[in-house]
Amino acid sequence: MKLAIAQINCTLGDLAGNSARILEAAERAQAQSASLLLTPELSLCGYPPEDLLLRDGFYAACDEALQQLACAAPAGMTLVVGHPHQVGELRFNAASVLRDGQIIATYHKRELPNHSVFDEVRYFTPGHASCVFEHEGLRIGLNICADIWEPEAAQRARGAGAQLLLVLNASPYHLDKQAARHAVVRARVRETGTPVVYANLLGGQDELVFDGDSFVMDARGELTHQLAAFEETVGLVEVVHGQPVPGQLQPPLTTEASVYQALCLGVRDYIDKNRFPGVLLGLSGGIDSALTLAVAVDALGADRVRAVMMPSPYTAQISLDDAREMAQILGVRYDELDIQPTFAAFESTLAPLFVGRAADTTEENLQARIRGTLLMALSNKTGALVLVTSNKSEMTVGYSTLYGDMAGGFAVLKDVSKTLVYRLSNYRNSLGYVIPERIITRPPSAELRPDQTDQDSLPPYDDLDGIMAAYVERNLSIPDIVALGYAEADVRRVVRLVRINEYKRRQSPVGVRITDRSFGKDWRYPITARYQDDF
């Protein structure tokens, strides 16, 4: 028997488009002698539908699309399709088996995740029954995503006679996620002695990126197939006597390569699925905007990207030179808008109200807000989306300006630490020189006052990012972080900045999630709270 894994990029709510993608994959699979097609979790509607799942009409539309898909499927093909399913007042995350124009079986997901970015308990009822169907003499069981992370669903399928387990997944990417998936599936295989075919969704959905990375394990827990990450594909698996025959194994990506591809896919799908004609961004001559520009061009093409340099009285000539060079290398439209006259006008207007008050961050923020206003004006006029260039380190401690460098529609580096920004920049240059070396090597600066560098206001980025990872991503206490070797004063300073800048983060745009604790669905801290992390 041959089966196929449809590692496809679904668009949430596009029932007709997703059905067409599934049918195309089925036709490709059949042309290569496969008779069974496995699709990802909720492949019919896309994942996660969130509060669309509270609307009865959404289920009715999905039911109709599923029936149409069953009728349109190629003769002789069996399709396993993920979809939402309503039975009376109960709502389920389901997978149905389609064959010869009929729905021959339906499975309801048992384990409903309610952590991190997952909120399925809000929408679905857990299923209880196993689902095993016969195909070409082989008894095949179904699990859906989180089912495989706990022992019971797989064991129940095995108890019901399953000789092969198909798992539909919408497992979002984050660093080191694939190793965790392999470990969990290997544990289930060893417990049940049942081979597993793991089909994962591909594509960007708001802040989430689904990396594909579908795979197959035999009854010994050995990897027999590994599909490419971040690529839409149909993978073929031959099964003989219930065991998958070893096939193609794509090598794993490096950390930098996987993050960079996740950023590109997140940008591409956010822009394309929301039908923006292109993007624009403020190019400062610094490393964050340089990396953002490189990602944007790789994701969309140079003809859909526009860079705008907006020098102030404190912009260094080398920043102008480096911005011009990078724009030329990448071939994007590049404009320079001098904000000095506008800045002077603001200062003049505010001067009577600022009498007796020394210049401070107010004047620095004015420059950032002028830039944000200009970018948003260009966005309104052209329809292009503004990409925000702030990184996670800055978002952690509030080293950014509301309605200034935070103004925009999508924050590419929102979950990327500053130290990782440097690694990604060097990685991108290893593929082809696009970021001028001086941008990478010079000390980072917001250039909002004379001779300014980031380290005037922040701990060294190596320390800041280490403290951030410990406190934000690992939930360690202040004493535990100090025990890692960081200065207590720096730890308390960073923790205080995290606490008092929640109001800023709450107003930032969505951005690509690449860790398992991003400032989005993963992070739900109150703005108004008196609790302090002293222990």
Protein backbone atom coordinates (compact mmCIF):
# COMPACT_ATOMS: atom_id res chain seq x y z
CA MET A 1 0.00 0.00 0.00
CA LYS A 2 1.07 3.54 -0.68
CA LEU A 3 -0.20 6.50 1.29
CA ALA A 4 0.56 10.19 0.96
CA ILE A 5 1.06 13.00 3.44
CA ALA A 6 -0.45 16.29 2.28
CA GLN A 7 1.77 18.88 3.94
CA ILE A 8 -0.29 21.82 2.71
CA ASN A 9 -0.61 25.54 3.42
CA CYS A 10 -4.25 26.19 4.31
CA THR A 11 -5.85 29.61 4.61
CA LEU A 12 -8.15 30.01 7.56
CA GLY A 13 -11.78 30.20 6.47
CA ASP A 14 -11.08 29.62 2.78
CA LEU A 15 -13.13 26.43 2.53
CA ALA A 16 -13.18 26.37 -1.26
CA GLY A 17 -9.45 27.15 -1.54
CA ASN A 18 -8.48 24.58 1.08
CA SER A 19 -10.68 21.93 -0.58
CA ALA A 20 -8.98 22.65 -3.89
CA ARG A 21 -5.58 22.21 -2.24
CA ILE A 22 -6.62 18.89 -0.75
CA LEU A 23 -7.98 17.68 -4.10
CA GLU A 24 -4.81 18.74 -5.89
CA ALA A 25 -2.74 16.79 -3.35
CA ALA A 26 -5.02 13.78 -3.79
CA GLU A 27 -4.59 13.87 -7.56
CA ARG A 28 -0.81 14.15 -7.22
CA ALA A 29 -0.78 11.26 -4.77
CA GLN A 30 -2.95 9.06 -7.00
CA ALA A 31 -0.73 9.81 -9.99
CA GLN A 32 2.10 8.24 -7.97
CA SER A 33 0.06 5.14 -7.10
CA ALA A 34 -0.98 6.21 -3.59
CA SER A 35 -4.51 5.24 -2.54
CA LEU A 36 -4.75 7.08 0.82
CA LEU A 37 -4.15 10.77 1.56
CA LEU A 38 -3.60 12.13 5.08
CA THR A 39 -4.17 15.86 5.63
CA PRO A 40 -3.34 18.05 8.67
CA GLU A 41 -5.57 18.95 11.60
CA LEU A 42 -8.58 21.12 10.61
CA SER A 43 -7.20 21.19 7.07
CA LEU A 44 -10.62 21.96 5.64
CA CYS A 45 -10.99 25.28 7.49
CA GLY A 46 -7.46 26.15 8.65
CA TYR A 47 -6.06 26.38 12.17
CA PRO A 48 -6.77 27.93 14.65
CA PRO A 49 -10.28 29.19 13.80
CA GLU A 50 -10.61 30.75 17.28
CA ASP A 51 -14.03 32.34 17.87
CA LEU A 52 -15.30 31.36 14.44
CA LEU A 53 -15.85 28.09 16.29
CA LEU A 54 -18.59 29.77 18.35
CA ARG A 55 -20.72 30.35 15.25
CA ASP A 56 -23.17 27.67 14.12
CA GLY A 57 -22.96 28.92 10.54
CA PHE A 58 -19.25 28.10 10.44
CA TYR A 59 -19.94 24.43 11.21
CA ALA A 60 -22.74 24.32 8.64
CA ALA A 61 -20.43 25.74 5.97
CA CYS A 62 -17.70 23.25 6.90
CA ASP A 63 -20.17 20.34 6.76
CA GLU A 64 -21.27 21.38 3.28
CA ALA A 65 -17.67 21.77 2.11
CA LEU A 66 -16.81 18.33 3.51
CA GLN A 67 -19.68 16.70 1.62
CA GLN A 68 -18.63 18.43 -1.59
CA LEU A 69 -15.04 17.32 -1.05
CA ALA A 70 -16.16 13.71 -0.57
CA CYS A 71 -18.04 13.82 -3.85
CA ALA A 72 -15.18 15.50 -5.72
CA ALA A 73 -12.39 13.22 -4.46
CA PRO A 74 -10.71 11.07 -7.14
CA ALA A 75 -12.30 7.65 -7.57
CA GLY A 76 -10.34 4.98 -5.74
CA MET A 77 -8.76 7.45 -3.28
CA THR A 78 -9.39 7.51 0.46
CA LEU A 79 -8.97 10.91 2.10
CA VAL A 80 -8.51 11.66 5.80
CA VAL A 81 -9.56 15.27 6.34
CA GLY A 82 -9.52 17.43 9.46
CA HIS A 83 -12.58 19.62 10.12
CA PRO A 84 -14.77 21.05 12.90
CA HIS A 85 -17.87 18.95 13.58
CA GLN A 86 -21.07 19.91 15.38
CA VAL A 87 -23.47 17.31 16.77
CA GLY A 88 -26.44 19.01 18.40
CA GLU A 89 -24.99 21.34 21.00
CA LEU A 90 -21.64 19.55 21.06
CA ARG A 91 -18.68 20.74 19.00
CA PHE A 92 -15.68 18.61 18.15
CA ASN A 93 -12.26 18.85 16.55
CA ALA A 94 -12.72 16.03 14.07
CA ALA A 95 -11.17 13.98 11.30
CA SER A 96 -13.29 12.14 8.74
CA VAL A 97 -12.46 9.35 6.33
CA LEU A 98 -13.83 10.02 2.83
CA ARG A 99 -14.19 7.23 0.29
CA ASP A 100 -16.30 6.79 -2.86
CA GLY A 101 -18.30 9.95 -2.23
CA GLN A 102 -19.13 8.95 1.34
CA ILE A 103 -17.97 9.81 4.86
CA ILE A 104 -17.26 6.33 6.17
CA ALA A 105 -15.90 7.24 9.61
CA THR A 106 -15.38 10.26 11.87
CA TYR A 107 -13.02 10.61 14.83
CA HIS A 108 -13.32 13.24 17.57
CA LYS A 109 -10.13 14.54 19.19
CA ARG A 110 -9.74 13.29 22.73
CA GLU A 111 -7.02 15.49 24.25
CA LEU A 112 -7.86 19.21 24.04
CA PRO A 113 -4.81 21.41 24.76
CA ASN A 114 -5.42 24.41 26.98
CA HIS A 115 -1.97 25.94 27.42
CA SER A 116 0.52 28.14 25.61
CA VAL A 117 -1.15 29.30 22.36
CA PHE A 118 -3.84 26.60 22.57
CA ASP A 119 -7.36 27.31 23.79
CA GLU A 120 -9.36 24.31 22.56
CA VAL A 121 -11.25 23.74 25.82
CA ARG A 122 -12.98 27.06 25.06
CA TYR A 123 -14.46 25.62 21.87
CA PHE A 124 -14.55 21.84 21.75
CA THR A 125 -15.92 18.85 23.62
CA PRO A 126 -13.43 15.99 24.06
CA GLY A 127 -14.17 12.80 22.15
CA HIS A 128 -14.04 9.37 23.79
CA ALA A 129 -14.38 6.74 21.08
CA SER A 130 -11.53 5.34 19.03
CA CYS A 131 -11.70 5.32 15.24
CA VAL A 132 -10.18 2.45 13.26
CA PHE A 133 -10.98 1.83 9.59
CA GLU A 134 -9.79 -0.76 7.09
CA HIS A 135 -7.85 0.11 3.95
CA GLU A 136 -6.38 -2.47 1.60
CA GLY A 137 -6.40 -5.08 4.33
CA LEU A 138 -4.72 -2.85 6.91
CA ARG A 139 -6.48 -1.59 10.04
CA ILE A 140 -5.69 2.10 10.46
CA GLY A 141 -6.33 4.28 13.53
CA LEU A 142 -6.65 8.04 13.85
CA ASN A 143 -5.34 10.51 16.42
CA ILE A 144 -5.35 14.30 16.24
CA CYS A 145 -2.35 16.38 17.37
CA ALA A 146 -2.44 16.61 21.19
CA ASP A 147 -3.81 13.04 21.36
CA ILE A 148 -0.34 11.75 20.58
CA TRP A 149 1.22 13.77 23.42
CA GLU A 150 -0.57 11.59 25.98
CA PRO A 151 -0.57 7.76 26.06
CA GLU A 152 -4.29 6.96 26.18
CA ALA A 153 -5.57 7.86 22.71
CA ALA A 154 -2.83 5.88 20.94
CA GLN A 155 -3.30 2.93 23.29
CA ARG A 156 -7.06 2.94 22.68
CA ALA A 157 -6.49 2.93 18.93
CA ARG A 158 -4.12 -0.01 19.32
CA GLY A 159 -6.66 -1.77 21.53
CA ALA A 160 -9.27 -1.30 18.83
CA GLY A 161 -7.02 -3.17 16.42
CA ALA A 162 -5.03 -0.38 14.73
CA GLN A 163 -1.93 -1.65 12.94
CA LEU A 164 -0.93 1.83 11.74
CA LEU A 165 -1.68 5.18 13.39
CA LEU A 166 -2.30 8.33 11.34
CA VAL A 167 -1.93 11.60 13.25
CA LEU A 168 -3.33 14.88 11.92
CA ASN A 169 -1.47 17.88 13.34
CA ALA A 170 -1.50 21.64 13.50
CA SER A 171 1.63 21.91 15.61
CA PRO A 172 3.08 25.45 15.52
CA TYR A 173 6.79 26.05 15.17
CA HIS A 174 9.10 27.18 17.88
CA LEU A 175 12.77 26.58 18.55
CA ASP A 176 13.58 22.88 19.10
CA LYS A 177 9.95 21.85 18.48
CA GLN A 178 10.78 19.04 16.05
CA ALA A 179 13.00 17.27 18.56
CA ALA A 180 10.12 17.34 21.06
CA ARG A 181 7.71 15.93 18.46
CA HIS A 182 10.07 13.10 17.62
CA ALA A 183 10.54 12.23 21.30
CA VAL A 184 6.80 12.16 22.03
CA VAL A 185 5.91 10.07 18.99
CA ARG A 186 8.77 7.66 19.71
CA ALA A 187 7.39 7.17 23.22
CA ARG A 188 3.91 6.34 21.84
CA VAL A 189 5.40 3.94 19.28
CA ARG A 190 7.34 2.09 21.96
CA GLU A 191 4.26 1.86 24.20
CA THR A 192 1.98 0.53 21.46
CA GLY A 193 4.29 -1.07 18.90
CA THR A 194 2.33 0.83 16.25
CA PRO A 195 4.00 2.80 13.42
CA VAL A 196 2.96 6.44 13.20
CA VAL A 197 2.45 8.74 10.20
CA TYR A 198 2.57 12.33 11.41
CA ALA A 199 1.17 14.99 9.03
CA ASN A 200 1.70 18.59 10.10
CA LEU A 201 0.21 21.82 8.78
CA LEU A 202 2.28 24.39 6.91
CA GLY A 203 1.95 28.18 6.77
CA GLY A 204 1.58 31.39 8.73
CA GLN A 205 -1.55 32.30 10.66
CA ASP A 206 -1.27 35.66 12.42
CA GLU A 207 1.54 35.18 14.97
CA LEU A 208 1.79 31.40 14.49
CA VAL A 209 3.91 29.65 11.90
CA PHE A 210 3.38 25.98 11.08
CA ASP A 211 6.55 24.44 9.75
CA GLY A 212 5.35 21.17 8.26
CA ASP A 213 8.26 18.86 9.12
CA SER A 214 5.92 15.85 8.76
CA PHE A 215 7.48 12.45 9.41
CA VAL A 216 6.96 8.70 9.78
CA MET A 217 8.24 6.30 12.46
CA ASP A 218 8.23 2.54 12.26
CA ALA A 219 7.33 0.13 15.07
CA ARG A 220 10.85 0.35 16.51
CA GLY A 221 10.69 4.14 16.83
CA GLU A 222 13.06 4.63 13.91
CA LEU A 223 12.50 7.61 11.65
CA THR A 224 11.73 6.29 8.15
CA HIS A 225 10.57 9.50 6.44
CA GLN A 226 11.21 13.16 7.15
CA LEU A 227 9.60 15.77 4.92
CA ALA A 228 11.14 19.17 4.35
CA ALA A 229 10.40 21.98 6.77
CA PHE A 230 8.69 25.16 5.54
CA GLU A 231 7.83 23.64 2.15
CA GLU A 232 4.45 22.62 0.78
CA THR A 233 4.77 19.05 -0.45
CA VAL A 234 3.10 15.69 -0.89
CA GLY A 235 5.19 12.96 0.71
CA LEU A 236 4.79 9.33 -0.34
CA VAL A 237 5.03 6.43 2.11
CA GLU A 238 5.04 2.77 1.13
CA VAL A 239 3.69 0.38 3.75
CA VAL A 240 4.49 -3.34 3.53
CA HIS A 241 3.03 -5.81 6.05
CA GLY A 242 1.97 -2.88 8.20
CA GLN A 243 5.44 -1.33 8.35
CA PRO A 244 6.63 1.82 6.53
CA VAL A 245 9.46 1.17 4.09
CA PRO A 246 12.32 3.65 4.67
CA GLY A 247 12.16 6.59 2.29
CA GLN A 248 13.48 10.12 1.99
CA LEU A 249 14.94 11.77 5.09
CA GLN A 250 15.42 15.51 4.80
CA PRO A 251 18.33 16.70 6.97
CA PRO A 252 17.42 18.98 9.90
CA LEU A 253 17.90 22.72 9.54
CA THR A 254 20.27 24.69 11.73
CA THR A 255 18.70 26.97 14.33
CA GLU A 256 19.45 30.06 12.27
CA ALA A 257 18.10 28.52 9.08
CA SER A 258 14.87 27.36 10.70
CA VAL A 259 14.22 30.71 12.40
CA TYR A 260 14.98 32.64 9.23
CA GLN A 261 12.63 30.46 7.18
CA ALA A 262 9.94 30.81 9.84
CA LEU A 263 10.24 34.60 9.67
CA CYS A 264 10.01 34.58 5.86
CA LEU A 265 7.00 32.25 5.85
CA GLY A 266 5.27 34.28 8.57
CA VAL A 267 5.73 37.52 6.64
CA ARG A 268 4.77 36.04 3.27
CA ASP A 269 1.55 34.47 4.49
CA TYR A 270 0.47 37.44 6.61
CA ILE A 271 0.89 39.77 3.65
CA ASP A 272 -0.50 37.45 0.97
CA LYS A 273 -3.39 35.94 2.92
CA ASN A 274 -4.53 39.42 4.00
CA ARG A 275 -4.09 40.64 0.40
CA PHE A 276 -1.70 43.51 1.01
CA PRO A 277 0.06 44.68 -2.16
CA GLY A 278 3.40 44.94 -0.36
CA VAL A 279 5.23 46.33 2.65
CA LEU A 280 7.28 49.33 3.67
CA LEU A 281 9.59 49.95 6.59
CA GLY A 282 11.85 52.53 8.11
CA LEU A 283 15.46 51.70 7.24
CA SER A 284 17.72 53.29 9.83
CA GLY A 285 21.14 51.90 9.00
CA GLY A 286 20.86 49.70 12.11
CA ILE A 287 20.82 45.94 12.34
CA ASP A 288 17.15 45.39 13.24
CA SER A 289 15.76 47.24 10.24
CA ALA A 290 18.45 45.68 8.03
CA LEU A 291 17.43 42.15 9.01
CA THR A 292 13.74 43.03 8.65
CA LEU A 293 14.40 44.33 5.14
CA ALA A 294 16.30 41.18 4.17
CA VAL A 295 13.47 38.97 5.44
CA ALA A 296 10.86 41.06 3.63
CA VAL A 297 12.67 40.86 0.31
CA ASP A 298 13.29 37.13 0.64
CA ALA A 299 9.64 36.60 1.55
CA LEU A 300 7.96 38.87 -1.00
CA GLY A 301 10.45 39.94 -3.65
CA ALA A 302 12.11 43.32 -4.02
CA ASP A 303 9.30 44.76 -6.12
CA ARG A 304 6.87 44.52 -3.18
CA VAL A 305 9.17 46.13 -0.58
CA ARG A 306 9.87 49.82 0.01
CA ALA A 307 12.49 51.24 2.39
CA VAL A 308 12.34 54.76 3.80
CA MET A 309 15.31 56.43 5.51
CA MET A 310 14.27 59.35 7.75
CA PRO A 311 17.38 61.10 9.05
CA SER A 312 17.22 63.38 12.09
CA PRO A 313 19.87 65.80 13.42
CA TYR A 314 21.52 62.84 15.17
CA THR A 315 21.67 60.40 12.26
CA ALA A 316 25.27 59.50 11.46
CA GLN A 317 26.54 59.69 7.89
CA ILE A 318 27.54 56.04 8.06
CA SER A 319 23.91 55.16 8.79
CA LEU A 320 22.86 56.95 5.63
CA ASP A 321 25.64 55.31 3.64
CA ASP A 322 24.85 51.81 4.91
CA ALA A 323 21.10 52.18 4.34
CA ARG A 324 21.69 53.35 0.77
CA GLU A 325 24.09 50.49 0.11
CA MET A 326 21.72 47.83 1.42
CA ALA A 327 18.76 49.19 -0.53
CA GLN A 328 20.88 49.16 -3.67
CA ILE A 329 22.09 45.59 -3.08
CA LEU A 330 18.53 44.32 -2.63
CA GLY A 331 17.05 46.44 -5.39
CA VAL A 332 14.16 47.86 -3.38
CA ARG A 333 12.58 51.27 -3.79
CA TYR A 334 14.40 53.61 -1.43
CA ASP A 335 13.35 57.10 -0.30
CA GLU A 336 14.88 59.61 2.10
CA LEU A 337 12.63 61.94 4.08
CA ASP A 338 14.50 64.49 6.20
CA ILE A 339 12.58 64.86 9.48
CA GLN A 340 14.65 67.79 10.78
CA PRO A 341 12.17 70.50 9.62
CA THR A 342 9.25 68.56 11.13
CA PHE A 343 11.16 67.98 14.36
CA ALA A 344 11.98 71.68 14.58
CA ALA A 345 8.32 72.54 14.04
CA PHE A 346 7.27 70.22 16.86
CA GLU A 347 9.88 71.69 19.18
CA SER A 348 8.77 75.21 18.31
CA THR A 349 5.11 74.39 18.93
CA LEU A 350 5.84 72.78 22.28
CA ALA A 351 8.48 75.29 23.43
CA PRO A 352 6.05 77.54 25.40
CA LEU A 353 4.77 74.49 27.28
CA PHE A 354 8.25 73.10 27.96
CA VAL A 355 9.74 76.28 29.46
CA GLY A 356 12.06 75.43 32.32
CA ARG A 357 12.18 71.73 31.47
CA ALA A 358 15.38 70.13 30.19
CA ALA A 359 15.44 68.01 27.07
CA ASP A 360 14.93 64.31 27.81
CA THR A 361 13.37 61.23 26.23
CA THR A 362 10.41 63.39 25.20
CA GLU A 363 12.44 64.89 22.38
CA GLU A 364 13.83 61.46 21.48
CA ASN A 365 10.34 60.02 21.25
CA LEU A 366 9.18 62.93 19.10
CA GLN A 367 11.62 61.87 16.41
CA ALA A 368 10.40 58.26 16.53
CA ARG A 369 6.77 59.39 16.36
CA ILE A 370 7.42 61.66 13.40
CA ARG A 371 8.87 58.65 11.59
CA GLY A 372 5.91 56.50 12.56
CA THR A 373 3.48 59.13 11.28
CA LEU A 374 5.28 59.38 7.93
CA LEU A 375 5.34 55.62 7.47
CA MET A 376 1.67 55.30 8.32
CA ALA A 377 0.84 58.09 5.85
CA LEU A 378 2.66 56.20 3.10
CA SER A 379 0.84 53.05 4.15
CA ASN A 380 -2.55 54.76 3.93
CA LYS A 381 -1.72 56.21 0.53
CA THR A 382 -0.30 53.06 -1.07
CA GLY A 383 -1.99 50.21 0.81
CA ALA A 384 1.38 48.72 1.74
CA LEU A 385 1.66 47.39 5.29
CA VAL A 386 4.23 48.93 7.65
CA LEU A 387 6.64 46.36 9.10
CA VAL A 388 7.77 47.12 12.65
CA THR A 389 11.46 46.47 13.23
CA SER A 390 11.67 46.26 17.07
CA ASN A 391 13.12 43.04 18.52
CA LYS A 392 12.11 40.98 21.57
CA SER A 393 14.88 42.36 23.78
CA GLU A 394 13.57 45.88 23.22
CA MET A 395 9.96 44.80 23.75
CA THR A 396 10.95 43.10 27.01
CA VAL A 397 12.29 46.26 28.62
CA GLY A 398 10.19 48.84 26.77
CA TYR A 399 13.10 50.22 24.76
CA SER A 400 10.72 51.35 22.03
CA THR A 401 8.30 54.20 21.43
CA LEU A 402 4.55 53.87 21.32
CA TYR A 403 3.19 55.38 18.09
CA GLY A 404 6.79 55.67 16.93
CA ASP A 405 8.99 52.69 16.08
CA MET A 406 6.15 50.48 17.36
CA ALA A 407 3.73 51.89 14.77
CA GLY A 408 2.82 49.42 12.06
CA GLY A 409 0.90 46.30 11.19
CA PHE A 410 3.32 43.38 11.63
CA ALA A 411 6.36 43.02 13.88
CA VAL A 412 8.77 40.68 12.13
CA LEU A 413 11.31 40.44 14.98
CA LYS A 414 8.83 40.58 17.86
CA ASP A 415 10.00 37.22 19.25
CA VAL A 416 13.65 37.47 18.17
CA SER A 417 16.21 38.48 20.79
CA LYS A 418 18.93 40.98 19.91
CA THR A 419 21.68 38.39 20.11
CA LEU A 420 19.71 36.17 17.73
CA VAL A 421 19.27 39.17 15.39
CA TYR A 422 23.06 39.22 15.01
CA ARG A 423 23.21 35.47 14.37
CA LEU A 424 20.45 35.68 11.78
CA SER A 425 22.14 38.60 10.04
CA ASN A 426 25.38 36.67 9.72
CA TYR A 427 23.43 33.62 8.54
CA ARG A 428 21.67 35.64 5.83
CA ASN A 429 25.01 37.04 4.64
CA SER A 430 26.36 33.49 4.45
CA LEU A 431 23.73 32.83 1.76
CA GLY A 432 24.68 35.96 -0.14
CA TYR A 433 25.95 39.35 0.98
CA VAL A 434 23.04 41.72 1.57
CA ILE A 435 23.68 43.38 4.96
CA PRO A 436 26.70 45.70 4.96
CA GLU A 437 29.26 44.39 7.43
CA ARG A 438 29.46 47.70 9.27
CA ILE A 439 25.78 47.42 10.23
CA ILE A 440 26.59 44.16 12.01
CA THR A 441 29.80 45.25 13.70
CA ARG A 442 29.09 48.83 14.85
CA PRO A 443 27.56 49.41 18.32
CA PRO A 444 23.75 49.58 18.07
CA SER A 445 22.18 53.00 18.57
CA ALA A 446 18.72 54.56 18.31
CA GLU A 447 20.46 57.80 17.18
CA LEU A 448 17.99 60.04 18.99
CA ARG A 449 20.59 62.11 20.85
CA PRO A 450 24.30 62.86 20.40
CA ASP A 451 26.70 59.88 20.70
CA GLN A 452 23.94 57.54 21.88
CA THR A 453 24.34 53.76 22.10
CA ASP A 454 21.84 51.17 23.35
CA GLN A 455 24.16 50.17 26.18
CA ASP A 456 23.82 53.65 27.68
CA SER A 457 20.32 52.62 28.76
CA LEU A 458 20.47 48.82 28.91
CA PRO A 459 22.67 46.04 30.24
CA PRO A 460 24.89 44.39 27.60
CA TYR A 461 22.67 42.43 25.24
CA ASP A 462 24.28 39.10 26.15
CA ASP A 463 23.22 39.69 29.76
CA LEU A 464 19.86 41.22 28.89
CA ASP A 465 18.91 38.35 26.63
CA GLY A 466 20.04 35.76 29.17
CA ILE A 467 17.98 37.39 31.91
CA MET A 468 15.04 37.77 29.55
CA ALA A 469 15.14 34.11 28.55
CA ALA A 470 15.31 33.03 32.19
CA TYR A 471 12.52 35.30 33.44
CA VAL A 472 10.16 35.53 30.46
CA GLU A 473 10.64 32.16 28.77
CA ARG A 474 11.56 29.91 31.71
CA ASN A 475 9.65 31.67 34.54
CA LEU A 476 12.68 31.60 36.87
CA SER A 477 12.70 33.70 40.02
CA ILE A 478 15.13 36.54 40.70
CA PRO A 479 17.33 34.43 43.05
CA ASP A 480 17.40 31.60 40.51
CA ILE A 481 18.49 33.99 37.75
CA VAL A 482 21.16 35.53 39.96
CA ALA A 483 22.39 32.00 40.67
CA LEU A 484 23.00 31.61 36.93
CA GLY A 485 25.73 34.23 37.26
CA TYR A 486 23.97 37.49 36.40
CA ALA A 487 24.46 40.60 38.52
CA GLU A 488 21.54 41.03 40.92
CA ALA A 489 21.24 44.73 40.09
CA ASP A 490 20.86 43.90 36.38
CA VAL A 491 18.33 41.16 37.09
CA ARG A 492 16.17 43.40 39.26
CA ARG A 493 16.42 46.20 36.74
CA VAL A 494 15.30 43.99 33.86
CA VAL A 495 12.47 42.43 35.87
CA ARG A 496 11.24 45.88 36.87
CA LEU A 497 11.30 47.02 33.23
CA VAL A 498 9.39 43.92 32.18
CA ARG A 499 6.71 44.70 34.75
CA ILE A 500 6.22 48.40 34.02
CA ASN A 501 6.19 48.05 30.21
CA GLU A 502 3.35 45.57 29.83
CA TYR A 503 1.10 48.41 28.63
CA LYS A 504 3.43 48.94 25.68
CA ARG A 505 3.58 45.29 24.70
CA ARG A 506 -0.21 45.06 24.82
CA GLN A 507 -0.36 47.72 22.09
CA SER A 508 2.24 46.21 19.80
CA PRO A 509 1.20 44.53 16.53
CA VAL A 510 1.27 40.78 16.04
CA GLY A 511 4.55 39.25 14.93
CA VAL A 512 6.11 35.89 14.16
CA ARG A 513 6.34 33.50 17.11
CA ILE A 514 9.61 31.54 17.22
CA THR A 515 9.90 30.66 20.94
CA ASP A 516 7.50 28.84 23.24
CA ARG A 517 6.94 32.07 25.23
CA SER A 518 6.33 34.93 22.86
CA PHE A 519 4.72 38.26 23.72
CA GLY A 520 1.37 37.27 22.29
CA LYS A 521 -0.93 34.40 23.16
CA ASP A 522 1.83 32.85 25.28
CA TRP A 523 2.17 35.91 27.56
CA ARG A 524 -0.89 37.05 29.51
CA TYR A 525 0.31 39.31 32.27
CA PRO A 526 -1.90 42.00 33.84
CA ILE A 527 -1.08 45.63 33.20
CA THR A 528 -2.46 46.77 36.55
CA ALA A 529 -0.92 44.72 39.35
CA ARG A 530 1.07 45.40 42.53
CA TYR A 531 2.75 42.03 42.85
CA GLN A 532 6.53 42.32 42.62
CA ASP A 533 8.94 39.51 41.82
CA ASP A 534 11.20 39.73 44.87
CA PHE A 535 11.58 35.98 45.25
